[in-house]
């Protein structure tokens, strides 16, 4: 019997904004820690490379998550 894996995708408008940094990225990180699997596609007015966007999210988690963050999340 095949196992079906549900993968949810979400579009995040304003991915570099204040709300995303303070609330959405920490919430998504907590979902990740609960072993939920999903994909997030971020869109913003400001252009970022993959590396600069990852740094932005990592900085957000360091500032707004009370526990140590996993490097594999990025």
N, C-alpha and C. Protein backbone atom coordinates (compact mmCIF):
# COMPACT_ATOMS: atom_id res chain seq x y z
N UNK A 1 0.84 -1.17 0.00
CA UNK A 1 0.00 0.00 0.00
C UNK A 1 0.89 1.24 0.00
N UNK A 2 0.57 2.19 -0.86
CA UNK A 2 1.34 3.42 -0.94
C UNK A 2 0.97 4.36 0.19
N UNK A 3 1.97 5.03 0.68
CA UNK A 3 1.75 6.03 1.70
C UNK A 3 1.62 7.39 1.02
N UNK A 4 0.57 8.11 1.32
CA UNK A 4 0.34 9.42 0.74
C UNK A 4 0.81 10.48 1.73
N UNK A 5 1.68 11.35 1.25
CA UNK A 5 2.20 12.43 2.08
C UNK A 5 1.55 13.73 1.62
N UNK A 6 0.91 14.39 2.54
CA UNK A 6 0.30 15.68 2.23
C UNK A 6 1.33 16.78 2.41
N UNK A 7 1.57 17.53 1.37
CA UNK A 7 2.47 18.67 1.44
C UNK A 7 1.66 19.91 1.10
N UNK A 8 1.64 20.83 2.00
CA UNK A 8 0.87 22.05 1.80
C UNK A 8 1.81 23.16 1.37
N UNK A 9 1.35 23.95 0.43
CA UNK A 9 2.12 25.09 -0.03
C UNK A 9 1.35 26.36 0.28
N UNK A 10 2.08 27.38 0.68
CA UNK A 10 1.46 28.67 0.98
C UNK A 10 2.24 29.77 0.30
N UNK A 11 1.52 30.79 -0.14
CA UNK A 11 2.15 31.97 -0.69
C UNK A 11 2.14 33.04 0.39
N UNK A 12 3.29 33.63 0.62
CA UNK A 12 3.42 34.65 1.65
C UNK A 12 3.73 35.99 0.96
N UNK A 13 2.73 36.85 0.91
CA UNK A 13 2.91 38.18 0.34
C UNK A 13 3.47 39.10 1.42
N UNK A 14 4.47 39.88 1.09
CA UNK A 14 5.11 40.72 2.08
C UNK A 14 6.13 39.94 2.90
N UNK A 15 6.87 39.05 2.24
CA UNK A 15 7.76 38.10 2.91
C UNK A 15 8.94 38.77 3.62
N UNK A 16 9.24 40.01 3.30
CA UNK A 16 10.34 40.70 3.98
C UNK A 16 9.84 41.75 4.95
N UNK A 17 8.53 41.80 5.17
CA UNK A 17 7.94 42.83 6.01
C UNK A 17 8.00 42.52 7.50
N UNK A 18 7.59 43.48 8.27
CA UNK A 18 7.64 43.40 9.73
C UNK A 18 6.76 42.28 10.29
N UNK A 19 5.55 42.12 9.77
CA UNK A 19 4.65 41.07 10.25
C UNK A 19 5.25 39.69 10.03
N UNK A 20 5.82 39.48 8.86
CA UNK A 20 6.45 38.19 8.57
C UNK A 20 7.60 37.93 9.53
N UNK A 21 8.41 38.93 9.77
CA UNK A 21 9.59 38.76 10.64
C UNK A 21 9.21 38.50 12.09
N UNK A 22 8.22 39.25 12.60
CA UNK A 22 7.88 39.13 14.01
C UNK A 22 6.95 37.97 14.33
N UNK A 23 6.03 37.66 13.41
CA UNK A 23 4.97 36.69 13.73
C UNK A 23 4.96 35.45 12.85
N UNK A 24 5.02 35.64 11.54
CA UNK A 24 4.81 34.52 10.62
C UNK A 24 5.98 33.54 10.61
N UNK A 25 7.22 34.03 10.52
CA UNK A 25 8.35 33.10 10.50
C UNK A 25 8.49 32.32 11.80
N UNK A 26 8.33 32.95 12.97
CA UNK A 26 8.36 32.14 14.19
C UNK A 26 7.23 31.10 14.24
N UNK A 27 6.04 31.46 13.77
CA UNK A 27 4.92 30.51 13.76
C UNK A 27 5.20 29.35 12.81
N UNK A 28 5.75 29.65 11.63
CA UNK A 28 6.09 28.58 10.69
C UNK A 28 7.19 27.69 11.25
N UNK A 29 8.12 28.26 11.96
CA UNK A 29 9.19 27.47 12.58
C UNK A 29 8.61 26.50 13.62
N UNK A 30 7.65 26.96 14.41
CA UNK A 30 7.02 26.08 15.40
C UNK A 30 6.25 24.95 14.73
N UNK A 31 5.61 25.22 13.61
CA UNK A 31 4.94 24.15 12.85
C UNK A 31 5.97 23.14 12.35
N UNK A 32 7.09 23.63 11.87
CA UNK A 32 8.18 22.76 11.40
C UNK A 32 8.67 21.86 12.54
N UNK A 33 8.81 22.42 13.73
CA UNK A 33 9.27 21.64 14.89
C UNK A 33 8.27 20.57 15.29
N UNK A 34 7.00 20.75 14.94
CA UNK A 34 5.97 19.75 15.22
C UNK A 34 5.90 18.69 14.13
N UNK A 35 6.90 18.68 13.25
CA UNK A 35 7.05 17.69 12.17
C UNK A 35 6.02 17.85 11.06
N UNK A 36 5.38 19.01 10.96
CA UNK A 36 4.49 19.28 9.83
C UNK A 36 5.35 19.69 8.65
N UNK A 37 5.05 19.19 7.50
CA UNK A 37 5.84 19.48 6.30
C UNK A 37 5.03 20.36 5.36
N UNK A 38 5.68 21.40 4.91
CA UNK A 38 5.01 22.38 4.06
C UNK A 38 6.05 23.16 3.27
N UNK A 39 5.58 23.89 2.31
CA UNK A 39 6.44 24.76 1.51
C UNK A 39 5.87 26.17 1.58
N UNK A 40 6.76 27.14 1.65
CA UNK A 40 6.34 28.54 1.68
C UNK A 40 7.03 29.25 0.52
N UNK A 41 6.24 29.95 -0.25
CA UNK A 41 6.76 30.73 -1.37
C UNK A 41 6.58 32.19 -1.00
N UNK A 42 7.69 32.86 -0.78
CA UNK A 42 7.64 34.24 -0.32
C UNK A 42 7.74 35.22 -1.47
N UNK A 43 6.94 36.30 -1.40
CA UNK A 43 6.97 37.35 -2.40
C UNK A 43 7.07 38.70 -1.69
N UNK A 44 7.90 39.57 -2.25
CA UNK A 44 8.09 40.88 -1.64
C UNK A 44 8.42 41.90 -2.71
N UNK A 45 8.31 43.16 -2.35
CA UNK A 45 8.67 44.22 -3.29
C UNK A 45 10.19 44.33 -3.44
N UNK A 46 10.90 44.11 -2.33
CA UNK A 46 12.36 44.20 -2.37
C UNK A 46 12.95 42.90 -2.90
N UNK A 47 13.94 43.03 -3.76
CA UNK A 47 14.58 41.86 -4.34
C UNK A 47 15.64 41.31 -3.39
N UNK A 48 15.68 39.98 -3.26
CA UNK A 48 16.67 39.30 -2.43
C UNK A 48 17.20 38.08 -3.17
N UNK A 49 18.45 37.77 -2.91
CA UNK A 49 18.98 36.49 -3.37
C UNK A 49 18.49 35.43 -2.40
N UNK A 50 18.65 34.17 -2.76
CA UNK A 50 18.26 33.09 -1.83
C UNK A 50 19.00 33.22 -0.51
N UNK A 51 20.30 33.52 -0.61
CA UNK A 51 21.13 33.61 0.59
C UNK A 51 20.70 34.78 1.49
N UNK A 52 20.45 35.94 0.89
CA UNK A 52 20.06 37.09 1.72
C UNK A 52 18.67 36.88 2.33
N UNK A 53 17.79 36.19 1.62
CA UNK A 53 16.46 35.89 2.17
C UNK A 53 16.57 34.90 3.33
N UNK A 54 17.41 33.89 3.18
CA UNK A 54 17.62 32.94 4.28
C UNK A 54 18.20 33.63 5.50
N UNK A 55 19.13 34.55 5.28
CA UNK A 55 19.70 35.32 6.39
C UNK A 55 18.64 36.15 7.09
N UNK A 56 17.75 36.75 6.33
CA UNK A 56 16.66 37.54 6.89
C UNK A 56 15.78 36.67 7.79
N UNK A 57 15.41 35.48 7.31
CA UNK A 57 14.57 34.58 8.10
C UNK A 57 15.31 34.08 9.33
N UNK A 58 16.57 33.75 9.17
CA UNK A 58 17.36 33.26 10.30
C UNK A 58 17.48 34.35 11.37
N UNK A 59 17.72 35.56 10.98
CA UNK A 59 17.80 36.68 11.93
C UNK A 59 16.47 36.86 12.65
N UNK A 60 15.38 36.74 11.90
CA UNK A 60 14.05 36.84 12.48
C UNK A 60 13.84 35.79 13.57
N UNK A 61 14.22 34.56 13.27
CA UNK A 61 14.04 33.48 14.25
C UNK A 61 14.93 33.68 15.47
N UNK A 62 16.13 34.15 15.27
CA UNK A 62 17.03 34.39 16.40
C UNK A 62 16.48 35.48 17.31
N UNK A 63 15.79 36.45 16.74
CA UNK A 63 15.23 37.55 17.52
C UNK A 63 13.88 37.26 18.14
N UNK A 64 13.11 36.32 17.56
CA UNK A 64 11.72 36.16 17.98
C UNK A 64 11.32 34.75 18.40
N UNK A 65 12.27 33.82 18.45
CA UNK A 65 11.99 32.46 18.93
C UNK A 65 12.81 32.25 20.19
N UNK A 66 12.17 31.75 21.23
CA UNK A 66 12.84 31.65 22.52
C UNK A 66 13.79 30.47 22.65
N UNK A 67 13.76 29.51 21.73
CA UNK A 67 14.66 28.37 21.80
C UNK A 67 15.68 28.42 20.67
N UNK A 68 16.69 27.58 20.75
CA UNK A 68 17.68 27.51 19.67
C UNK A 68 17.01 27.02 18.40
N UNK A 69 17.40 27.57 17.27
CA UNK A 69 16.81 27.18 15.99
C UNK A 69 17.70 26.17 15.29
N UNK A 70 17.07 25.28 14.54
CA UNK A 70 17.80 24.28 13.77
C UNK A 70 18.34 24.89 12.50
N UNK A 71 19.58 24.59 12.18
CA UNK A 71 20.16 25.08 10.93
C UNK A 71 19.52 24.41 9.72
N UNK A 72 19.00 23.17 9.90
CA UNK A 72 18.40 22.46 8.76
C UNK A 72 17.10 23.11 8.29
N UNK A 73 16.51 23.97 9.09
CA UNK A 73 15.28 24.66 8.71
C UNK A 73 15.51 25.54 7.49
N UNK A 74 16.73 26.00 7.33
CA UNK A 74 17.04 26.92 6.25
C UNK A 74 17.50 26.18 5.04
